[in-house]
């Protein structure tokens, strides 16, 4: 895996998820936090907080079969608390399922420099999106969508 391509795909995923948070918040009617799983200090505080949250993690970016073609594997999901029946969880997850459904296509940009959009570096298409079993973290319900995406990325 080339680090430049990782940064391009990761920063695009960061931007997509952060843009989706506002849409997810309209479903709940309350502010929604966001955290990347690997951001340990923020992730722990989001889990301890009672506010709903969107969680995500880019897990792998592997050549498929070789650069500039890659396969990306990532999870994106939601966390709720005090959600009897998991109704908010289901509504929030539905918004993310709409964004990250199979055959969704996204243009790749490098947003790592102060969040500014740069030149186009390729494209990503979701090829598989399955809802994973619900997980619990004490009082929270967590549900994620496991996504695979075909990526065509040139590192610039």
Protein backbone atom coordinates (compact mmCIF):
# COMPACT_ATOMS: atom_id res chain seq x y z
CA UNK A 1 0.00 0.00 0.00
CA UNK A 2 1.33 3.41 -0.93
CA UNK A 3 0.97 5.99 1.82
CA UNK A 4 -0.09 8.78 -0.56
CA UNK A 5 -3.00 6.71 -1.87
CA UNK A 6 -3.98 5.78 1.71
CA UNK A 7 -4.12 9.49 2.64
CA UNK A 8 -6.24 10.32 -0.40
CA UNK A 9 -8.77 7.54 0.27
CA UNK A 10 -8.80 8.19 4.03
CA UNK A 11 -9.27 11.94 3.72
CA UNK A 12 -12.08 11.40 1.19
CA UNK A 13 -13.76 9.00 3.62
CA UNK A 14 -13.26 11.56 6.43
CA UNK A 15 -15.01 14.18 4.31
CA UNK A 16 -17.87 11.88 3.26
CA UNK A 17 -18.60 10.82 6.84
CA UNK A 18 -18.38 14.34 8.24
CA UNK A 19 -20.75 15.60 5.52
CA UNK A 20 -23.16 12.75 6.36
CA UNK A 21 -23.32 13.68 10.06
CA UNK A 22 -25.60 16.67 9.39
CA UNK A 23 -28.02 14.42 7.48
CA UNK A 24 -27.98 11.84 10.27
CA UNK A 25 -28.63 14.60 12.84
CA UNK A 26 -31.86 15.55 11.06
CA UNK A 27 -33.19 12.06 11.79
CA UNK A 28 -32.47 12.28 15.52
CA UNK A 29 -33.24 15.96 16.00
CA UNK A 30 -30.19 16.29 18.28
CA UNK A 31 -26.49 16.96 17.62
CA UNK A 32 -24.56 13.90 16.48
CA UNK A 33 -20.88 13.36 17.30
CA UNK A 34 -18.43 11.77 14.90
CA UNK A 35 -15.28 9.77 15.54
CA UNK A 36 -12.81 7.71 13.64
CA UNK A 37 -12.20 4.48 15.55
CA UNK A 38 -8.43 4.94 15.38
CA UNK A 39 -8.62 8.39 17.01
CA UNK A 40 -8.38 6.74 20.44
CA UNK A 41 -8.85 9.77 22.71
CA UNK A 42 -11.84 11.10 20.76
CA UNK A 43 -13.33 7.63 20.22
CA UNK A 44 -13.32 6.85 23.95
CA UNK A 45 -14.99 10.15 24.84
CA UNK A 46 -17.64 9.60 22.15
CA UNK A 47 -18.39 6.14 23.53
CA UNK A 48 -18.72 7.50 27.07
CA UNK A 49 -20.95 10.37 25.97
CA UNK A 50 -24.72 9.82 25.79
CA UNK A 51 -25.03 11.70 22.47
CA UNK A 52 -25.60 9.66 19.31
CA UNK A 53 -22.55 9.31 17.09
CA UNK A 54 -21.32 8.25 13.68
CA UNK A 55 -18.25 5.98 13.85
CA UNK A 56 -15.99 4.90 11.02
CA UNK A 57 -12.68 3.24 10.19
CA UNK A 58 -10.67 2.66 7.03
CA UNK A 59 -9.33 -0.82 7.67
CA UNK A 60 -7.44 -1.79 4.51
CA UNK A 61 -6.33 -0.42 1.18
CA UNK A 62 -4.64 -3.13 -0.85
CA UNK A 63 -3.52 -3.23 -4.49
CA UNK A 64 -6.04 -5.20 -6.53
CA UNK A 65 -4.26 -6.63 -8.48
CA UNK A 66 -1.71 -3.76 -8.50
CA UNK A 67 -1.53 0.02 -8.30
CA UNK A 68 -3.33 2.16 -9.37
CA UNK A 69 -6.20 -0.29 -8.73
CA UNK A 70 -6.99 -0.96 -5.05
CA UNK A 71 -9.60 -2.56 -2.83
CA UNK A 72 -10.64 -0.49 0.17
CA UNK A 73 -12.32 -2.05 3.20
CA UNK A 74 -13.99 0.22 5.74
CA UNK A 75 -16.71 0.30 8.37
CA UNK A 76 -19.13 3.14 8.95
CA UNK A 77 -21.86 3.04 11.57
CA UNK A 78 -23.77 4.61 14.41
CA UNK A 79 -23.91 4.55 18.18
CA UNK A 80 -26.95 5.35 20.30
CA UNK A 81 -27.80 5.29 23.99
CA UNK A 82 -31.17 5.26 25.74
CA UNK A 83 -32.73 3.97 22.54
CA UNK A 84 -35.36 1.44 23.57
CA UNK A 85 -36.20 -0.66 20.55
CA UNK A 86 -33.21 0.71 18.62
CA UNK A 87 -35.45 2.99 16.57
CA UNK A 88 -32.97 5.88 16.40
CA UNK A 89 -30.18 3.44 15.62
CA UNK A 90 -32.18 2.02 12.70
CA UNK A 91 -33.09 5.47 11.36
CA UNK A 92 -29.53 6.77 11.62
CA UNK A 93 -28.08 3.64 10.04
CA UNK A 94 -30.60 3.96 7.21
CA UNK A 95 -29.17 7.37 6.31
CA UNK A 96 -25.66 5.91 6.12
CA UNK A 97 -26.91 2.92 4.11
CA UNK A 98 -28.33 5.35 1.57
CA UNK A 99 -24.94 7.05 1.18
CA UNK A 100 -22.77 3.92 1.20
CA UNK A 101 -25.00 1.56 -0.79
CA UNK A 102 -23.65 -0.83 -3.39
CA UNK A 103 -22.57 0.96 -6.59
CA UNK A 104 -22.28 4.38 -4.87
CA UNK A 105 -19.47 6.31 -6.56
CA UNK A 106 -17.23 8.97 -5.07
CA UNK A 107 -14.54 11.17 -6.55
CA UNK A 108 -11.24 11.02 -4.66
CA UNK A 109 -9.55 14.20 -3.47
CA UNK A 110 -6.82 14.83 -0.91
CA UNK A 111 -8.54 16.76 1.90
CA UNK A 112 -5.64 16.28 4.34
CA UNK A 113 -4.34 19.81 3.78
CA UNK A 114 -6.65 21.93 5.96
CA UNK A 115 -9.72 20.22 4.49
CA UNK A 116 -9.36 21.95 1.15
CA UNK A 117 -10.42 20.09 -1.95
CA UNK A 118 -7.54 19.42 -4.29
CA UNK A 119 -7.25 18.01 -7.77
CA UNK A 120 -9.11 14.82 -8.56
CA UNK A 121 -7.03 11.71 -7.84
CA UNK A 122 -9.39 9.01 -9.02
CA UNK A 123 -12.63 7.36 -7.99
CA UNK A 124 -14.06 4.87 -5.53
CA UNK A 125 -17.13 2.67 -6.03
CA UNK A 126 -18.75 0.68 -3.23
CA UNK A 127 -18.93 -2.94 -4.39
CA UNK A 128 -20.29 -4.51 -1.20
CA UNK A 129 -22.13 -3.04 1.79
CA UNK A 130 -23.46 -5.37 4.49
CA UNK A 131 -24.87 -4.44 7.87
CA UNK A 132 -22.84 -6.10 10.62
CA UNK A 133 -24.40 -7.59 13.78
CA UNK A 134 -25.18 -5.11 16.53
CA UNK A 135 -22.49 -4.57 19.16
CA UNK A 136 -22.87 -3.23 22.67
CA UNK A 137 -20.54 -1.09 24.72
CA UNK A 138 -22.20 -1.14 28.14
CA UNK A 139 -25.11 1.31 27.65
CA UNK A 140 -24.59 1.94 23.91
CA UNK A 141 -25.89 0.15 20.86
CA UNK A 142 -23.44 0.16 17.93
CA UNK A 143 -24.22 -1.00 14.42
CA UNK A 144 -21.90 -0.73 11.43
CA UNK A 145 -21.96 -1.26 7.70
CA UNK A 146 -19.00 -3.27 6.39
CA UNK A 147 -18.05 -1.82 3.01
CA UNK A 148 -15.72 -2.89 0.25
CA UNK A 149 -14.90 -0.52 -2.55
CA UNK A 150 -13.05 -0.69 -5.84
CA UNK A 151 -10.60 2.20 -6.01
CA UNK A 152 -8.73 3.68 -8.92
CA UNK A 153 -6.24 6.10 -7.40
CA UNK A 154 -3.13 7.75 -8.73
CA UNK A 155 -1.10 9.40 -5.98
CA UNK A 156 -0.37 12.57 -7.91
